[in-house]
PDB file of N, CA and C in Angstrom:
ATOM      1  N   UNK A   1     107.143 -51.807 156.749  1.00  0.00           N
ATOM      2  CA  UNK A   1     107.312 -52.740 157.957  1.00  0.00           C
ATOM      3  C   UNK A   1     108.686 -52.881 157.912  1.00  0.00           C
ATOM      4  N   UNK A   2     109.073 -53.315 159.647  1.00  0.00           N
ATOM      5  CA  UNK A   2     110.648 -52.781 160.131  1.00  0.00           C
ATOM      6  C   UNK A   2     111.507 -53.771 159.032  1.00  0.00           C
ATOM      7  N   UNK A   3     112.716 -53.885 158.903  1.00  0.00           N
ATOM      8  CA  UNK A   3     113.591 -54.872 158.391  1.00  0.00           C
ATOM      9  C   UNK A   3     113.957 -55.646 159.828  1.00  0.00           C
ATOM     10  N   UNK A   4     114.018 -55.350 160.786  1.00  0.00           N
ATOM     11  CA  UNK A   4     114.527 -56.726 161.633  1.00  0.00           C
ATOM     12  C   UNK A   4     113.138 -57.323 162.423  1.00  0.00           C
ATOM     13  N   UNK A   5     112.000 -56.555 162.243  1.00  0.00           N
ATOM     14  CA  UNK A   5     110.894 -57.586 162.574  1.00  0.00           C
ATOM     15  C   UNK A   5     110.752 -58.429 161.302  1.00  0.00           C
ATOM     16  N   UNK A   6     110.396 -57.900 160.098  1.00  0.00           N
ATOM     17  CA  UNK A   6     110.619 -58.926 159.001  1.00  0.00           C
ATOM     18  C   UNK A   6     111.568 -59.920 158.785  1.00  0.00           C
ATOM     19  N   UNK A   7     112.864 -59.904 158.919  1.00  0.00           N
ATOM     20  CA  UNK A   7     113.997 -60.757 158.997  1.00  0.00           C
ATOM     21  C   UNK A   7     113.596 -61.585 159.741  1.00  0.00           C
ATOM     22  N   UNK A   8     113.063 -61.672 160.821  1.00  0.00           N
ATOM     23  CA  UNK A   8     112.817 -62.549 161.682  1.00  0.00           C
ATOM     24  C   UNK A   8     111.818 -63.931 161.693  1.00  0.00           C
ATOM     25  N   UNK A   9     111.282 -63.340 160.007  1.00  0.00           N
ATOM     26  CA  UNK A   9     110.164 -64.283 159.345  1.00  0.00           C
ATOM     27  C   UNK A   9     110.658 -64.906 157.955  1.00  0.00           C
ATOM     28  N   UNK A  10     112.065 -64.506 157.978  1.00  0.00           N
ATOM     29  CA  UNK A  10     112.830 -65.111 156.852  1.00  0.00           C
ATOM     30  C   UNK A  10     112.997 -63.950 155.511  1.00  0.00           C
ATOM     31  N   UNK A  11     112.202 -63.017 155.496  1.00  0.00           N
ATOM     32  CA  UNK A  11     112.393 -61.783 154.716  1.00  0.00           C
ATOM     33  C   UNK A  11     112.817 -60.358 155.021  1.00  0.00           C
ATOM     34  N   UNK A  12     113.477 -59.612 154.178  1.00  0.00           N
ATOM     35  CA  UNK A  12     113.357 -57.861 154.334  1.00  0.00           C
ATOM     36  C   UNK A  12     112.738 -57.099 153.161  1.00  0.00           C
ATOM     37  N   UNK A  13     111.854 -56.630 153.880  1.00  0.00           N
ATOM     38  CA  UNK A  13     110.828 -55.531 153.218  1.00  0.00           C
ATOM     39  C   UNK A  13     111.635 -54.135 153.395  1.00  0.00           C
ATOM     40  N   UNK A  14     112.159 -53.324 152.307  1.00  0.00           N
ATOM     41  CA  UNK A  14     112.534 -52.069 152.395  1.00  0.00           C
ATOM     42  C   UNK A  14     110.815 -51.118 153.061  1.00  0.00           C
ATOM     43  N   UNK A  15     111.154 -50.031 153.324  1.00  0.00           N
ATOM     44  CA  UNK A  15     109.951 -48.952 153.426  1.00  0.00           C
ATOM     45  C   UNK A  15     110.299 -48.266 152.042  1.00  0.00           C
ATOM     46  N   UNK A  16     108.398 -48.379 151.578  1.00  0.00           N
ATOM     47  CA  UNK A  16     108.408 -47.505 150.581  1.00  0.00           C
ATOM     48  C   UNK A  16     109.311 -46.733 150.050  1.00  0.00           C
ATOM     49  N   UNK A  17     109.381 -46.162 148.873  1.00  0.00           N
ATOM     50  CA  UNK A  17     110.531 -45.483 148.466  1.00  0.00           C
ATOM     51  C   UNK A  17     109.562 -43.590 148.863  1.00  0.00           C
ATOM     52  N   UNK A  18     108.265 -43.446 148.939  1.00  0.00           N
ATOM     53  CA  UNK A  18     108.154 -42.161 149.672  1.00  0.00           C
ATOM     54  C   UNK A  18     106.778 -42.454 150.833  1.00  0.00           C
ATOM     55  N   UNK A  19     107.713 -43.040 151.868  1.00  0.00           N
ATOM     56  CA  UNK A  19     107.225 -43.327 152.745  1.00  0.00           C
ATOM     57  C   UNK A  19     107.136 -42.454 153.691  1.00  0.00           C
ATOM     58  N   UNK A  20     107.440 -41.165 153.441  1.00  0.00           N
ATOM     59  CA  UNK A  20     107.647 -39.999 154.266  1.00  0.00           C
ATOM     60  C   UNK A  20     106.489 -39.203 153.627  1.00  0.00           C
ATOM     61  N   UNK A  21     105.802 -39.515 152.640  1.00  0.00           N
ATOM     62  CA  UNK A  21     104.957 -38.188 151.922  1.00  0.00           C
ATOM     63  C   UNK A  21     103.748 -38.637 152.597  1.00  0.00           C
ATOM     64  N   UNK A  22     102.675 -37.524 153.099  1.00  0.00           N
ATOM     65  CA  UNK A  22     101.900 -37.938 154.155  1.00  0.00           C
ATOM     66  C   UNK A  22     100.464 -37.925 152.836  1.00  0.00           C
ATOM     67  N   UNK A  23     100.742 -37.604 151.269  1.00  0.00           N
ATOM     68  CA  UNK A  23      99.579 -37.633 150.504  1.00  0.00           C
ATOM     69  C   UNK A  23      99.040 -38.877 150.401  1.00  0.00           C
ATOM     70  N   UNK A  24      97.672 -38.712 150.297  1.00  0.00           N
ATOM     71  CA  UNK A  24      96.951 -40.016 150.024  1.00  0.00           C
ATOM     72  C   UNK A  24      96.813 -40.284 148.267  1.00  0.00           C
ATOM     73  N   UNK A  25      97.285 -39.601 147.456  1.00  0.00           N
ATOM     74  CA  UNK A  25      96.773 -39.365 146.453  1.00  0.00           C
ATOM     75  C   UNK A  25      98.499 -39.480 145.741  1.00  0.00           C
ATOM     76  N   UNK A  26      99.352 -40.448 145.936  1.00  0.00           N
ATOM     77  CA  UNK A  26     100.681 -40.593 145.233  1.00  0.00           C
ATOM     78  C   UNK A  26     100.612 -41.402 144.084  1.00  0.00           C
ATOM     79  N   UNK A  27     101.134 -40.896 143.060  1.00  0.00           N
ATOM     80  CA  UNK A  27     101.006 -41.604 141.959  1.00  0.00           C
ATOM     81  C   UNK A  27     101.578 -43.306 141.803  1.00  0.00           C
ATOM     82  N   UNK A  28     102.322 -43.272 142.696  1.00  0.00           N
ATOM     83  CA  UNK A  28     103.335 -44.495 142.792  1.00  0.00           C
ATOM     84  C   UNK A  28     104.171 -44.545 144.134  1.00  0.00           C
ATOM     85  N   UNK A  29     104.417 -46.032 144.402  1.00  0.00           N
ATOM     86  CA  UNK A  29     105.226 -46.077 145.620  1.00  0.00           C
ATOM     87  C   UNK A  29     105.758 -47.274 144.882  1.00  0.00           C
ATOM     88  N   UNK A  30     107.003 -47.222 145.459  1.00  0.00           N
ATOM     89  CA  UNK A  30     107.706 -48.748 145.303  1.00  0.00           C
ATOM     90  C   UNK A  30     108.747 -49.261 147.000  1.00  0.00           C
ATOM     91  N   UNK A  31     108.958 -50.386 146.817  1.00  0.00           N
ATOM     92  CA  UNK A  31     109.373 -51.020 147.895  1.00  0.00           C
ATOM     93  C   UNK A  31     110.304 -52.235 147.540  1.00  0.00           C
ATOM     94  N   UNK A  32     111.191 -52.972 147.956  1.00  0.00           N
ATOM     95  CA  UNK A  32     111.933 -53.786 147.630  1.00  0.00           C
ATOM     96  C   UNK A  32     112.096 -55.350 148.756  1.00  0.00           C
ATOM     97  N   UNK A  33     111.620 -56.244 148.473  1.00  0.00           N
ATOM     98  CA  UNK A  33     111.460 -57.751 148.713  1.00  0.00           C
ATOM     99  C   UNK A  33     112.952 -58.517 148.676  1.00  0.00           C
ATOM    100  N   UNK A  34     113.617 -58.828 149.794  1.00  0.00           N
ATOM    101  CA  UNK A  34     114.229 -59.938 149.650  1.00  0.00           C
ATOM    102  C   UNK A  34     114.894 -61.002 150.942  1.00  0.00           C
ATOM    103  N   UNK A  35     115.145 -62.282 150.667  1.00  0.00           N
ATOM    104  CA  UNK A  35     115.140 -63.214 151.787  1.00  0.00           C
ATOM    105  C   UNK A  35     116.103 -63.050 152.599  1.00  0.00           C
ATOM    106  N   UNK A  36     116.413 -63.247 153.849  1.00  0.00           N
ATOM    107  CA  UNK A  36     117.285 -63.137 154.665  1.00  0.00           C
ATOM    108  C   UNK A  36     118.058 -64.040 155.117  1.00  0.00           C
ATOM    109  N   UNK A  37     117.614 -65.814 154.188  1.00  0.00           N
ATOM    110  CA  UNK A  37     119.214 -66.438 153.933  1.00  0.00           C
ATOM    111  C   UNK A  37     118.400 -67.430 152.883  1.00  0.00           C
ATOM    112  N   UNK A  38     119.464 -67.610 152.705  1.00  0.00           N
ATOM    113  CA  UNK A  38     120.051 -68.845 151.065  1.00  0.00           C
ATOM    114  C   UNK A  38     118.924 -70.221 151.428  1.00  0.00           C
ATOM    115  N   UNK A  39     117.985 -69.926 150.317  1.00  0.00           N
ATOM    116  CA  UNK A  39     116.925 -71.038 150.451  1.00  0.00           C
ATOM    117  C   UNK A  39     117.408 -72.254 150.052  1.00  0.00           C
ATOM    118  N   UNK A  40     116.936 -73.343 150.437  1.00  0.00           N
ATOM    119  CA  UNK A  40     117.409 -74.740 149.587  1.00  0.00           C
ATOM    120  C   UNK A  40     116.307 -75.261 148.837  1.00  0.00           C
ATOM    121  N   UNK A  41     115.375 -74.175 148.243  1.00  0.00           N
ATOM    122  CA  UNK A  41     114.503 -74.898 147.307  1.00  0.00           C
ATOM    123  C   UNK A  41     114.106 -73.627 147.124  1.00  0.00           C
ATOM    124  N   UNK A  42     113.371 -73.017 145.659  1.00  0.00           N
ATOM    125  CA  UNK A  42     112.735 -71.865 145.313  1.00  0.00           C
ATOM    126  C   UNK A  42     111.532 -71.389 146.435  1.00  0.00           C
ATOM    127  N   UNK A  43     112.106 -70.230 146.864  1.00  0.00           N
ATOM    128  CA  UNK A  43     110.382 -69.631 147.292  1.00  0.00           C
ATOM    129  C   UNK A  43     109.563 -68.234 146.639  1.00  0.00           C
ATOM    130  N   UNK A  44     108.293 -68.896 146.224  1.00  0.00           N
ATOM    131  CA  UNK A  44     107.760 -67.818 146.053  1.00  0.00           C
ATOM    132  C   UNK A  44     106.818 -67.319 146.669  1.00  0.00           C
ATOM    133  N   UNK A  45     106.923 -66.017 146.641  1.00  0.00           N
ATOM    134  CA  UNK A  45     106.355 -64.843 147.569  1.00  0.00           C
ATOM    135  C   UNK A  45     104.894 -64.570 146.972  1.00  0.00           C
ATOM    136  N   UNK A  46     103.702 -64.431 146.989  1.00  0.00           N
ATOM    137  CA  UNK A  46     102.693 -63.965 146.300  1.00  0.00           C
ATOM    138  C   UNK A  46     102.170 -62.889 147.155  1.00  0.00           C
ATOM    139  N   UNK A  47     101.868 -61.888 146.268  1.00  0.00           N
ATOM    140  CA  UNK A  47     101.231 -60.746 146.529  1.00  0.00           C
ATOM    141  C   UNK A  47     100.231 -59.954 146.134  1.00  0.00           C
ATOM    142  N   UNK A  48      99.277 -59.061 147.057  1.00  0.00           N
ATOM    143  CA  UNK A  48      97.935 -58.517 145.808  1.00  0.00           C
ATOM    144  C   UNK A  48      97.698 -57.496 146.538  1.00  0.00           C
ATOM    145  N   UNK A  49      97.013 -56.369 146.513  1.00  0.00           N
ATOM    146  CA  UNK A  49      96.123 -55.498 147.208  1.00  0.00           C
ATOM    147  C   UNK A  49      94.962 -55.813 148.055  1.00  0.00           C
ATOM    148  N   UNK A  50      94.960 -55.782 149.077  1.00  0.00           N
ATOM    149  CA  UNK A  50      93.779 -55.746 149.368  1.00  0.00           C
ATOM    150  C   UNK A  50      92.849 -55.325 149.964  1.00  0.00           C
ATOM    151  N   UNK A  51      93.129 -53.590 149.241  1.00  0.00           N
ATOM    152  CA  UNK A  51      92.381 -52.999 148.659  1.00  0.00           C
ATOM    153  C   UNK A  51      92.402 -51.899 147.634  1.00  0.00           C
ATOM    154  N   UNK A  52      91.745 -52.634 146.674  1.00  0.00           N
ATOM    155  CA  UNK A  52      92.191 -51.722 144.957  1.00  0.00           C
ATOM    156  C   UNK A  52      92.133 -50.432 144.848  1.00  0.00           C
ATOM    157  N   UNK A  53      91.055 -50.051 146.103  1.00  0.00           N
ATOM    158  CA  UNK A  53      90.664 -48.412 146.056  1.00  0.00           C
ATOM    159  C   UNK A  53      91.632 -47.945 146.564  1.00  0.00           C
ATOM    160  N   UNK A  54      92.549 -48.387 146.956  1.00  0.00           N
ATOM    161  CA  UNK A  54      93.579 -47.611 147.769  1.00  0.00           C
ATOM    162  C   UNK A  54      94.992 -48.152 147.040  1.00  0.00           C
ATOM    163  N   UNK A  55      95.222 -49.081 146.257  1.00  0.00           N
ATOM    164  CA  UNK A  55      96.555 -49.520 145.283  1.00  0.00           C
ATOM    165  C   UNK A  55      96.481 -50.723 145.004  1.00  0.00           C
ATOM    166  N   UNK A  56      97.000 -50.712 143.770  1.00  0.00           N
ATOM    167  CA  UNK A  56      96.968 -51.702 142.436  1.00  0.00           C
ATOM    168  C   UNK A  56      98.411 -52.177 142.470  1.00  0.00           C
ATOM    169  N   UNK A  57      98.461 -53.143 142.523  1.00  0.00           N
ATOM    170  CA  UNK A  57      99.785 -53.819 142.321  1.00  0.00           C
ATOM    171  C   UNK A  57     100.121 -53.940 141.075  1.00  0.00           C
ATOM    172  N   UNK A  58     101.493 -54.421 140.715  1.00  0.00           N
ATOM    173  CA  UNK A  58     102.038 -54.566 139.480  1.00  0.00           C
ATOM    174  C   UNK A  58     102.621 -55.966 140.038  1.00  0.00           C
ATOM    175  N   UNK A  59     102.141 -57.186 138.684  1.00  0.00           N
ATOM    176  CA  UNK A  59     102.822 -58.511 139.160  1.00  0.00           C
ATOM    177  C   UNK A  59     101.793 -59.406 140.309  1.00  0.00           C
ATOM    178  N   UNK A  60     102.464 -59.991 140.391  1.00  0.00           N
ATOM    179  CA  UNK A  60     101.425 -60.710 141.637  1.00  0.00           C
ATOM    180  C   UNK A  60     102.641 -61.838 142.587  1.00  0.00           C
ATOM    181  N   UNK A  61     103.632 -62.072 142.176  1.00  0.00           N
ATOM    182  CA  UNK A  61     104.877 -62.916 142.767  1.00  0.00           C
ATOM    183  C   UNK A  61     106.107 -62.792 142.420  1.00  0.00           C
ATOM    184  N   UNK A  62     106.660 -63.155 143.415  1.00  0.00           N
ATOM    185  CA  UNK A  62     108.400 -62.954 143.370  1.00  0.00           C
ATOM    186  C   UNK A  62     108.914 -64.481 143.544  1.00  0.00           C
ATOM    187  N   UNK A  63     110.049 -65.060 142.702  1.00  0.00           N
ATOM    188  CA  UNK A  63     110.218 -66.288 142.835  1.00  0.00           C
ATOM    189  C   UNK A  63     111.653 -65.883 143.184  1.00  0.00           C
ATOM    190  N   UNK A  64     112.183 -66.407 144.635  1.00  0.00           N
ATOM    191  CA  UNK A  64     113.687 -66.434 144.918  1.00  0.00           C
ATOM    192  C   UNK A  64     113.858 -67.503 144.775  1.00  0.00           C
ATOM    193  N   UNK A  65     115.472 -67.373 144.388  1.00  0.00           N
ATOM    194  CA  UNK A  65     116.252 -68.458 144.495  1.00  0.00           C
ATOM    195  C   UNK A  65     117.845 -68.699 145.139  1.00  0.00           C
ATOM    196  N   UNK A  66     118.733 -69.721 145.116  1.00  0.00           N
ATOM    197  CA  UNK A  66     119.908 -69.536 145.569  1.00  0.00           C
ATOM    198  C   UNK A  66     120.812 -68.520 145.105  1.00  0.00           C
ATOM    199  N   UNK A  67     120.351 -68.248 143.835  1.00  0.00           N
ATOM    200  CA  UNK A  67     121.352 -67.453 142.847  1.00  0.00           C
ATOM    201  C   UNK A  67     120.598 -65.755 143.281  1.00  0.00           C
ATOM    202  N   UNK A  68     119.246 -65.357 143.534  1.00  0.00           N
ATOM    203  CA  UNK A  68     119.277 -64.153 143.622  1.00  0.00           C
ATOM    204  C   UNK A  68     118.254 -63.965 145.236  1.00  0.00           C
ATOM    205  N   UNK A  69     118.504 -64.779 146.347  1.00  0.00           N
ATOM    206  CA  UNK A  69     117.905 -64.487 147.385  1.00  0.00           C
ATOM    207  C   UNK A  69     118.138 -63.215 148.309  1.00  0.00           C
ATOM    208  N   UNK A  70     119.134 -62.584 147.653  1.00  0.00           N
ATOM    209  CA  UNK A  70     119.834 -61.761 148.798  1.00  0.00           C
ATOM    210  C   UNK A  70     119.715 -60.903 148.022  1.00  0.00           C
ATOM    211  N   UNK A  71     119.208 -60.168 146.707  1.00  0.00           N
ATOM    212  CA  UNK A  71     118.989 -59.470 145.444  1.00  0.00           C
ATOM    213  C   UNK A  71     117.299 -58.828 145.950  1.00  0.00           C
ATOM    214  N   UNK A  72     117.665 -57.272 145.788  1.00  0.00           N
ATOM    215  CA  UNK A  72     115.898 -56.932 145.869  1.00  0.00           C
ATOM    216  C   UNK A  72     115.401 -57.031 144.957  1.00  0.00           C
ATOM    217  N   UNK A  73     114.121 -57.399 144.876  1.00  0.00           N
ATOM    218  CA  UNK A  73     113.331 -57.812 143.938  1.00  0.00           C
ATOM    219  C   UNK A  73     111.998 -56.428 144.122  1.00  0.00           C
TER     220      UNK A  73
END
């Protein structure tokens, strides 16, 4: 997802760390998420894999507050 595009929705997602790899069997991939503005209340972002034959995710949500909204999680 493009940083400029996602920031229009209030969050910024970095490209996966192996985004230039064309291998379908990469062992893992990491990306980060942060909010583009300080929230007035906690913001919970839920996430999941829509196809667990392609990817399995660790965890299921990120919680942002006014203390950590600009820190990549």
